């Protein structure tokens, strides 16, 4: 490489190095403009967004209920009708056997068994009625169940907010009521270029 070429390369290099700070400063100012800043806007109106929903609430319901209990009085009915019928038949057969002779004795025994059984049965039925073989008692118990009671409830889903910044009005939707002022992000960008 000759001296002329070497000087030309050196000059180009020095020129590039000198131009770098100016270019870096220009990019820095453009990016600061596009980044923006926070400011405060005045809130003009806040409107809650209300929806109506159905809500289920379990509700316990209780009431008193009567029921009947039947008690058997077994102590007063000695053996019931079956026992009395058999005992009456034995006694009647013995009495019938005591009368008559020959084939008449057999007929008297059979007649005594039938008559004695009938008398024993009737007596057992009468004793059961007289002593009230069973009685009923009415008792009360509390019963409960659970059912769903439905009600309507209003819920705020968000807020439509109208705010003013530098003489212009804007509208946005927010999850909370911002109050009298609203923090806004302001960004400036050049048009054209």
C-alpha atoms as a PDB file:
ATOM      1  CA  UNK A   1       0.000   0.000   0.000  1.00  0.00           C
ATOM      2  CA  UNK A   2       1.432   3.372  -0.918  1.00  0.00           C
ATOM      3  CA  UNK A   3       1.474   6.432   1.303  1.00  0.00           C
ATOM      4  CA  UNK A   4      -1.375   8.141  -0.572  1.00  0.00           C
ATOM      5  CA  UNK A   5      -3.736   5.259   0.022  1.00  0.00           C
ATOM      6  CA  UNK A   6      -2.702   4.954   3.619  1.00  0.00           C
ATOM      7  CA  UNK A   7      -3.469   8.637   4.273  1.00  0.00           C
ATOM      8  CA  UNK A   8      -6.908   8.281   2.615  1.00  0.00           C
ATOM      9  CA  UNK A   9      -7.852   5.300   4.797  1.00  0.00           C
ATOM     10  CA  UNK A  10      -6.701   7.157   7.912  1.00  0.00           C
ATOM     11  CA  UNK A  11      -8.824  10.208   7.056  1.00  0.00           C
ATOM     12  CA  UNK A  12     -11.941   8.106   6.475  1.00  0.00           C
ATOM     13  CA  UNK A  13     -11.405   6.359   9.810  1.00  0.00           C
ATOM     14  CA  UNK A  14     -10.997   9.654  11.692  1.00  0.00           C
ATOM     15  CA  UNK A  15     -14.162  11.011  10.020  1.00  0.00           C
ATOM     16  CA  UNK A  16     -16.199   7.994  11.094  1.00  0.00           C
ATOM     17  CA  UNK A  17     -14.993   8.209  14.657  1.00  0.00           C
ATOM     18  CA  UNK A  18     -15.895  11.894  14.824  1.00  0.00           C
ATOM     19  CA  UNK A  19     -19.385  11.254  13.438  1.00  0.00           C
ATOM     20  CA  UNK A  20     -20.271   8.536  16.018  1.00  0.00           C
ATOM     21  CA  UNK A  21     -21.057  10.845  18.994  1.00  0.00           C
ATOM     22  CA  UNK A  22     -23.329  13.052  16.890  1.00  0.00           C
ATOM     23  CA  UNK A  23     -25.254  10.009  15.617  1.00  0.00           C
ATOM     24  CA  UNK A  24     -25.523   8.558  19.119  1.00  0.00           C
ATOM     25  CA  UNK A  25     -26.908  11.856  20.473  1.00  0.00           C
ATOM     26  CA  UNK A  26     -29.562  11.962  17.754  1.00  0.00           C
ATOM     27  CA  UNK A  27     -30.764   8.406  18.515  1.00  0.00           C
ATOM     28  CA  UNK A  28     -30.834   9.186  22.226  1.00  0.00           C
ATOM     29  CA  UNK A  29     -33.124  12.190  21.751  1.00  0.00           C
ATOM     30  CA  UNK A  30     -35.486  10.278  19.425  1.00  0.00           C
ATOM     31  CA  UNK A  31     -35.822   7.370  21.827  1.00  0.00           C
ATOM     32  CA  UNK A  32     -36.469   9.773  24.755  1.00  0.00           C
ATOM     33  CA  UNK A  33     -39.318  11.343  22.761  1.00  0.00           C
ATOM     34  CA  UNK A  34     -40.913   8.001  21.951  1.00  0.00           C
ATOM     35  CA  UNK A  35     -40.595   6.682  25.486  1.00  0.00           C
ATOM     36  CA  UNK A  36     -43.035   9.238  26.928  1.00  0.00           C
ATOM     37  CA  UNK A  37     -43.870  10.167  30.527  1.00  0.00           C
ATOM     38  CA  UNK A  38     -46.592   9.976  33.184  1.00  0.00           C
ATOM     39  CA  UNK A  39     -49.021  12.831  33.768  1.00  0.00           C
ATOM     40  CA  UNK A  40     -52.386  13.406  35.505  1.00  0.00           C
ATOM     41  CA  UNK A  41     -55.791  13.807  33.831  1.00  0.00           C
ATOM     42  CA  UNK A  42     -59.014  15.103  35.409  1.00  0.00           C
ATOM     43  CA  UNK A  43     -61.831  12.510  35.761  1.00  0.00           C
ATOM     44  CA  UNK A  44     -65.099  13.914  34.410  1.00  0.00           C
ATOM     45  CA  UNK A  45     -67.492  10.974  34.970  1.00  0.00           C
ATOM     46  CA  UNK A  46     -67.424   7.440  36.401  1.00  0.00           C
ATOM     47  CA  UNK A  47     -70.240   5.005  35.546  1.00  0.00           C
ATOM     48  CA  UNK A  48     -70.332   1.594  37.258  1.00  0.00           C
ATOM     49  CA  UNK A  49     -71.005  -1.386  34.957  1.00  0.00           C
ATOM     50  CA  UNK A  50     -73.637  -3.392  36.863  1.00  0.00           C
ATOM     51  CA  UNK A  51     -74.782  -6.929  36.061  1.00  0.00           C
ATOM     52  CA  UNK A  52     -77.527  -8.871  37.814  1.00  0.00           C
ATOM     53  CA  UNK A  53     -76.671 -12.460  38.751  1.00  0.00           C
ATOM     54  CA  UNK A  54     -78.699 -15.232  40.396  1.00  0.00           C
ATOM     55  CA  UNK A  55     -77.107 -16.552  43.573  1.00  0.00           C
ATOM     56  CA  UNK A  56     -78.020 -19.845  45.243  1.00  0.00           C
ATOM     57  CA  UNK A  57     -78.045 -20.057  49.032  1.00  0.00           C
ATOM     58  CA  UNK A  58     -78.626 -23.411  50.735  1.00  0.00           C
ATOM     59  CA  UNK A  59     -81.483 -23.064  53.234  1.00  0.00           C
ATOM     60  CA  UNK A  60     -82.297 -25.578  55.977  1.00  0.00           C
ATOM     61  CA  UNK A  61     -85.998 -26.165  56.557  1.00  0.00           C
ATOM     62  CA  UNK A  62     -87.262 -28.064  59.644  1.00  0.00           C
ATOM     63  CA  UNK A  63     -90.728 -29.155  60.761  1.00  0.00           C
ATOM     64  CA  UNK A  64     -92.347 -31.378  63.405  1.00  0.00           C
ATOM     65  CA  UNK A  65     -93.943 -34.588  62.194  1.00  0.00           C
ATOM     66  CA  UNK A  66     -96.274 -36.891  64.161  1.00  0.00           C
ATOM     67  CA  UNK A  67     -96.030 -40.681  63.919  1.00  0.00           C
ATOM     68  CA  UNK A  68     -97.834 -43.565  65.650  1.00  0.00           C
ATOM     69  CA  UNK A  69     -96.154 -46.273  67.741  1.00  0.00           C
ATOM     70  CA  UNK A  70     -98.160 -49.465  68.432  1.00  0.00           C
ATOM     71  CA  UNK A  71     -97.474 -51.333  71.681  1.00  0.00           C
ATOM     72  CA  UNK A  72     -98.623 -54.925  72.219  1.00  0.00           C
ATOM     73  CA  UNK A  73     -99.768 -55.729  75.783  1.00  0.00           C
ATOM     74  CA  UNK A  74     -98.709 -59.366  75.817  1.00  0.00           C
ATOM     75  CA  UNK A  75     -98.881 -59.798  79.605  1.00  0.00           C
ATOM     76  CA  UNK A  76    -102.716 -59.739  79.646  1.00  0.00           C
ATOM     77  CA  UNK A  77    -103.330 -62.228  76.869  1.00  0.00           C
ATOM     78  CA  UNK A  78    -101.851 -65.464  78.199  1.00  0.00           C
ATOM     79  CA  UNK A  79    -100.885 -67.425  75.132  1.00  0.00           C
ATOM     80  CA  UNK A  80    -103.196 -65.627  72.721  1.00  0.00           C
ATOM     81  CA  UNK A  81    -106.130 -67.256  70.890  1.00  0.00           C
ATOM     82  CA  UNK A  82    -104.196 -70.342  69.693  1.00  0.00           C
ATOM     83  CA  UNK A  83    -103.158 -71.351  73.202  1.00  0.00           C
ATOM     84  CA  UNK A  84    -106.662 -70.765  74.595  1.00  0.00           C
ATOM     85  CA  UNK A  85    -108.259 -72.740  71.723  1.00  0.00           C
ATOM     86  CA  UNK A  86    -106.007 -75.770  72.323  1.00  0.00           C
ATOM     87  CA  UNK A  87    -106.484 -75.659  76.109  1.00  0.00           C
ATOM     88  CA  UNK A  88    -110.265 -75.386  75.667  1.00  0.00           C
ATOM     89  CA  UNK A  89    -110.233 -78.388  73.289  1.00  0.00           C
ATOM     90  CA  UNK A  90    -108.290 -80.566  75.796  1.00  0.00           C
ATOM     91  CA  UNK A  91    -110.591 -79.649  78.673  1.00  0.00           C
ATOM     92  CA  UNK A  92    -113.706 -80.116  76.487  1.00  0.00           C
ATOM     93  CA  UNK A  93    -112.430 -83.503  75.259  1.00  0.00           C
ATOM     94  CA  UNK A  94    -111.791 -84.690  78.821  1.00  0.00           C
ATOM     95  CA  UNK A  95    -115.255 -83.611  79.930  1.00  0.00           C
ATOM     96  CA  UNK A  96    -116.917 -85.218  76.857  1.00  0.00           C
ATOM     97  CA  UNK A  97    -114.974 -88.434  77.455  1.00  0.00           C
ATOM     98  CA  UNK A  98    -116.386 -88.608  80.988  1.00  0.00           C
ATOM     99  CA  UNK A  99    -119.922 -88.917  79.634  1.00  0.00           C
ATOM    100  CA  UNK A 100    -121.393 -91.595  77.485  1.00  0.00           C
ATOM    101  CA  UNK A 101    -120.342 -95.168  76.778  1.00  0.00           C
ATOM    102  CA  UNK A 102    -119.211 -97.159  73.717  1.00  0.00           C
ATOM    103  CA  UNK A 103    -119.466 -95.309  70.446  1.00  0.00           C
ATOM    104  CA  UNK A 104    -121.381 -92.563  72.236  1.00  0.00           C
ATOM    105  CA  UNK A 105    -118.324 -91.964  74.379  1.00  0.00           C
ATOM    106  CA  UNK A 106    -116.220 -91.276  71.231  1.00  0.00           C
ATOM    107  CA  UNK A 107    -118.867 -88.905  69.891  1.00  0.00           C
ATOM    108  CA  UNK A 108    -119.058 -87.115  73.267  1.00  0.00           C
ATOM    109  CA  UNK A 109    -115.241 -86.749  73.320  1.00  0.00           C
ATOM    110  CA  UNK A 110    -115.185 -85.233  69.791  1.00  0.00           C
ATOM    111  CA  UNK A 111    -118.086 -82.939  70.663  1.00  0.00           C
ATOM    112  CA  UNK A 112    -116.303 -81.927  73.891  1.00  0.00           C
ATOM    113  CA  UNK A 113    -113.106 -81.101  71.946  1.00  0.00           C
ATOM    114  CA  UNK A 114    -115.040 -78.938  69.443  1.00  0.00           C
ATOM    115  CA  UNK A 115    -117.135 -77.165  72.049  1.00  0.00           C
ATOM    116  CA  UNK A 116    -114.135 -76.662  74.390  1.00  0.00           C
ATOM    117  CA  UNK A 117    -111.991 -75.260  71.545  1.00  0.00           C
ATOM    118  CA  UNK A 118    -114.726 -72.818  70.575  1.00  0.00           C
ATOM    119  CA  UNK A 119    -115.219 -71.679  74.168  1.00  0.00           C
ATOM    120  CA  UNK A 120    -111.428 -71.241  74.654  1.00  0.00           C
ATOM    121  CA  UNK A 121    -111.106 -69.189  71.459  1.00  0.00           C
ATOM    122  CA  UNK A 122    -114.053 -66.939  72.319  1.00  0.00           C
ATOM    123  CA  UNK A 123    -112.681 -66.368  75.816  1.00  0.00           C
ATOM    124  CA  UNK A 124    -109.250 -65.398  74.448  1.00  0.00           C
ATOM    125  CA  UNK A 125    -110.830 -62.894  72.037  1.00  0.00           C
ATOM    126  CA  UNK A 126    -112.951 -61.365  74.835  1.00  0.00           C
ATOM    127  CA  UNK A 127    -109.899 -61.089  77.144  1.00  0.00           C
ATOM    128  CA  UNK A 128    -107.922 -59.394  74.379  1.00  0.00           C
ATOM    129  CA  UNK A 129    -110.692 -56.838  73.853  1.00  0.00           C
ATOM    130  CA  UNK A 130    -111.171 -56.264  77.568  1.00  0.00           C
ATOM    131  CA  UNK A 131    -107.507 -55.794  78.362  1.00  0.00           C
ATOM    132  CA  UNK A 132    -106.847 -53.823  75.146  1.00  0.00           C
ATOM    133  CA  UNK A 133    -104.332 -56.292  73.645  1.00  0.00           C
ATOM    134  CA  UNK A 134    -102.524 -53.340  72.029  1.00  0.00           C
ATOM    135  CA  UNK A 135    -102.482 -49.597  72.301  1.00  0.00           C
ATOM    136  CA  UNK A 136    -101.169 -46.822  70.103  1.00  0.00           C
ATOM    137  CA  UNK A 137     -99.141 -43.796  71.104  1.00  0.00           C
ATOM    138  CA  UNK A 138     -98.610 -40.674  69.007  1.00  0.00           C
ATOM    139  CA  UNK A 139     -95.111 -39.237  69.116  1.00  0.00           C
ATOM    140  CA  UNK A 140     -93.500 -36.264  67.426  1.00  0.00           C
ATOM    141  CA  UNK A 141     -90.093 -35.899  65.770  1.00  0.00           C
ATOM    142  CA  UNK A 142     -88.305 -33.053  64.007  1.00  0.00           C
ATOM    143  CA  UNK A 143     -87.390 -33.597  60.347  1.00  0.00           C
ATOM    144  CA  UNK A 144     -85.159 -31.350  58.268  1.00  0.00           C
ATOM    145  CA  UNK A 145     -84.039 -31.007  54.674  1.00  0.00           C
ATOM    146  CA  UNK A 146     -81.966 -28.535  52.679  1.00  0.00           C
ATOM    147  CA  UNK A 147     -83.120 -26.743  49.541  1.00  0.00           C
ATOM    148  CA  UNK A 148     -81.742 -23.883  47.474  1.00  0.00           C
ATOM    149  CA  UNK A 149     -83.114 -20.386  47.902  1.00  0.00           C
ATOM    150  CA  UNK A 150     -82.403 -18.200  44.865  1.00  0.00           C
ATOM    151  CA  UNK A 151     -81.957 -14.447  44.984  1.00  0.00           C
ATOM    152  CA  UNK A 152     -80.800 -11.821  42.536  1.00  0.00           C
ATOM    153  CA  UNK A 153     -77.756  -9.756  43.329  1.00  0.00           C
ATOM    154  CA  UNK A 154     -76.202  -6.767  41.581  1.00  0.00           C
ATOM    155  CA  UNK A 155     -72.457  -6.949  40.988  1.00  0.00           C
ATOM    156  CA  UNK A 156     -70.149  -4.225  39.693  1.00  0.00           C
ATOM    157  CA  UNK A 157     -68.072  -5.694  36.863  1.00  0.00           C
ATOM    158  CA  UNK A 158     -66.018  -2.531  36.228  1.00  0.00           C
ATOM    159  CA  UNK A 159     -66.274   1.199  35.525  1.00  0.00           C
ATOM    160  CA  UNK A 160     -66.635   3.297  32.358  1.00  0.00           C
ATOM    161  CA  UNK A 161     -64.410   6.330  33.037  1.00  0.00           C
ATOM    162  CA  UNK A 162     -64.490   9.610  31.071  1.00  0.00           C
ATOM    163  CA  UNK A 163     -61.444  11.810  31.610  1.00  0.00           C
ATOM    164  CA  UNK A 164     -60.061  15.055  30.210  1.00  0.00           C
ATOM    165  CA  UNK A 165     -56.461  15.719  29.253  1.00  0.00           C
ATOM    166  CA  UNK A 166     -55.241  18.996  27.736  1.00  0.00           C
ATOM    167  CA  UNK A 167     -58.769  19.963  26.625  1.00  0.00           C
ATOM    168  CA  UNK A 168     -59.628  16.613  24.975  1.00  0.00           C
ATOM    169  CA  UNK A 169     -61.979  13.995  26.400  1.00  0.00           C
ATOM    170  CA  UNK A 170     -61.199  10.292  26.435  1.00  0.00           C
ATOM    171  CA  UNK A 171     -63.027   7.223  27.624  1.00  0.00           C
ATOM    172  CA  UNK A 172     -61.696   3.958  29.086  1.00  0.00           C
ATOM    173  CA  UNK A 173     -62.911   0.958  31.071  1.00  0.00           C
ATOM    174  CA  UNK A 174     -61.279   0.209  34.446  1.00  0.00           C
ATOM    175  CA  UNK A 175     -61.609  -2.446  37.133  1.00  0.00           C
ATOM    176  CA  UNK A 176     -61.803   0.171  39.931  1.00  0.00           C
ATOM    177  CA  UNK A 177     -63.132   3.696  40.515  1.00  0.00           C
ATOM    178  CA  UNK A 178     -60.124   6.017  39.938  1.00  0.00           C
ATOM    179  CA  UNK A 179     -61.440   8.953  41.966  1.00  0.00           C
ATOM    180  CA  UNK A 180     -61.015  12.593  40.807  1.00  0.00           C
ATOM    181  CA  UNK A 181     -57.735  12.142  38.930  1.00  0.00           C
ATOM    182  CA  UNK A 182     -56.315   9.520  36.646  1.00  0.00           C
ATOM    183  CA  UNK A 183     -52.665   8.783  35.938  1.00  0.00           C
ATOM    184  CA  UNK A 184     -52.039   8.728  32.160  1.00  0.00           C
ATOM    185  CA  UNK A 185     -49.060   7.853  29.955  1.00  0.00           C
ATOM    186  CA  UNK A 186     -48.151  10.574  27.473  1.00  0.00           C
ATOM    187  CA  UNK A 187     -46.014   9.719  24.458  1.00  0.00           C
ATOM    188  CA  UNK A 188     -44.875  12.054  21.667  1.00  0.00           C
ATOM    189  CA  UNK A 189     -43.787  10.827  18.247  1.00  0.00           C
ATOM    190  CA  UNK A 190     -42.836  12.898  15.243  1.00  0.00           C
ATOM    191  CA  UNK A 191     -45.064  12.692  12.180  1.00  0.00           C
ATOM    192  CA  UNK A 192     -43.577  12.343   8.750  1.00  0.00           C
ATOM    193  CA  UNK A 193     -39.952  12.343   8.302  1.00  0.00           C
END
